[in-house]
């Protein structure tokens, strides 16, 4: 039983430390806001390019006649 109590105590101390660090970050750190602009292409509005189509199949090589 003492080992279980020790384990629970250590886990509670670790959880308390994590919560204290999170509370300190919320209190003392102010986020910096900057404008962000990202262009997102819309594939439906763009004209299809020849490279985007399926590649053409190469013709089969001609077989030599058997002797």
Protein backbone atom coordinates (compact mmCIF):
# COMPACT_ATOMS: atom_id res chain seq x y z
CA UNK A 1 0.00 0.00 0.00
CA UNK A 2 2.78 2.53 0.71
CA UNK A 3 4.08 2.03 -2.84
CA UNK A 4 0.65 2.86 -4.28
CA UNK A 5 0.39 5.99 -2.14
CA UNK A 6 3.88 7.05 -3.29
CA UNK A 7 2.93 6.47 -6.93
CA UNK A 8 -0.30 8.45 -6.64
CA UNK A 9 1.55 11.26 -4.82
CA UNK A 10 4.24 11.48 -7.51
CA UNK A 11 1.64 11.46 -10.29
CA UNK A 12 -0.34 14.20 -8.50
CA UNK A 13 2.82 16.32 -8.14
CA UNK A 14 3.64 15.91 -11.84
CA UNK A 15 0.07 16.82 -12.83
CA UNK A 16 0.14 19.84 -10.50
CA UNK A 17 3.43 21.00 -12.00
CA UNK A 18 2.07 20.70 -15.54
CA UNK A 19 -1.06 22.65 -14.58
CA UNK A 20 1.02 25.34 -12.85
CA UNK A 21 3.20 25.76 -15.96
CA UNK A 22 0.10 26.00 -18.17
CA UNK A 23 -1.45 28.62 -15.87
CA UNK A 24 1.81 30.61 -15.91
CA UNK A 25 1.88 30.54 -19.72
CA UNK A 26 -1.72 31.75 -19.92
CA UNK A 27 -1.03 34.55 -17.45
CA UNK A 28 2.36 35.86 -18.58
CA UNK A 29 2.60 35.22 -22.33
CA UNK A 30 0.77 37.49 -24.76
CA UNK A 31 0.35 36.21 -28.33
CA UNK A 32 1.54 38.37 -31.20
CA UNK A 33 -1.03 38.76 -33.97
CA UNK A 34 0.28 39.08 -37.51
CA UNK A 35 -1.72 39.11 -40.73
CA UNK A 36 -1.47 35.91 -42.76
CA UNK A 37 -2.41 35.63 -46.42
CA UNK A 38 -2.39 32.30 -48.24
CA UNK A 39 -3.56 31.85 -51.82
CA UNK A 40 -5.49 28.64 -52.30
CA UNK A 41 -5.87 27.55 -55.94
CA UNK A 42 -9.25 26.16 -56.92
CA UNK A 43 -8.71 23.24 -59.32
CA UNK A 44 -12.25 23.49 -60.73
CA UNK A 45 -11.65 27.00 -62.08
CA UNK A 46 -8.36 26.26 -63.82
CA UNK A 47 -8.23 25.08 -67.43
CA UNK A 48 -6.92 21.52 -67.81
CA UNK A 49 -3.37 21.30 -69.08
CA UNK A 50 -2.11 18.64 -71.53
CA UNK A 51 0.42 17.42 -68.97
CA UNK A 52 -2.40 16.68 -66.54
CA UNK A 53 -4.12 14.29 -68.94
CA UNK A 54 -3.29 10.60 -69.13
CA UNK A 55 -0.07 9.83 -71.00
CA UNK A 56 -0.43 8.45 -74.51
CA UNK A 57 0.40 4.79 -74.93
CA UNK A 58 3.45 3.93 -77.01
CA UNK A 59 2.80 1.72 -80.04
CA UNK A 60 3.77 -1.92 -79.64
CA UNK A 61 7.05 -2.85 -81.35
CA UNK A 62 6.62 -4.72 -84.60
CA UNK A 63 7.44 -8.38 -84.34
CA UNK A 64 9.98 -9.83 -86.75
CA UNK A 65 8.63 -12.61 -88.98
CA UNK A 66 9.61 -16.09 -87.92
CA UNK A 67 12.01 -17.89 -90.34
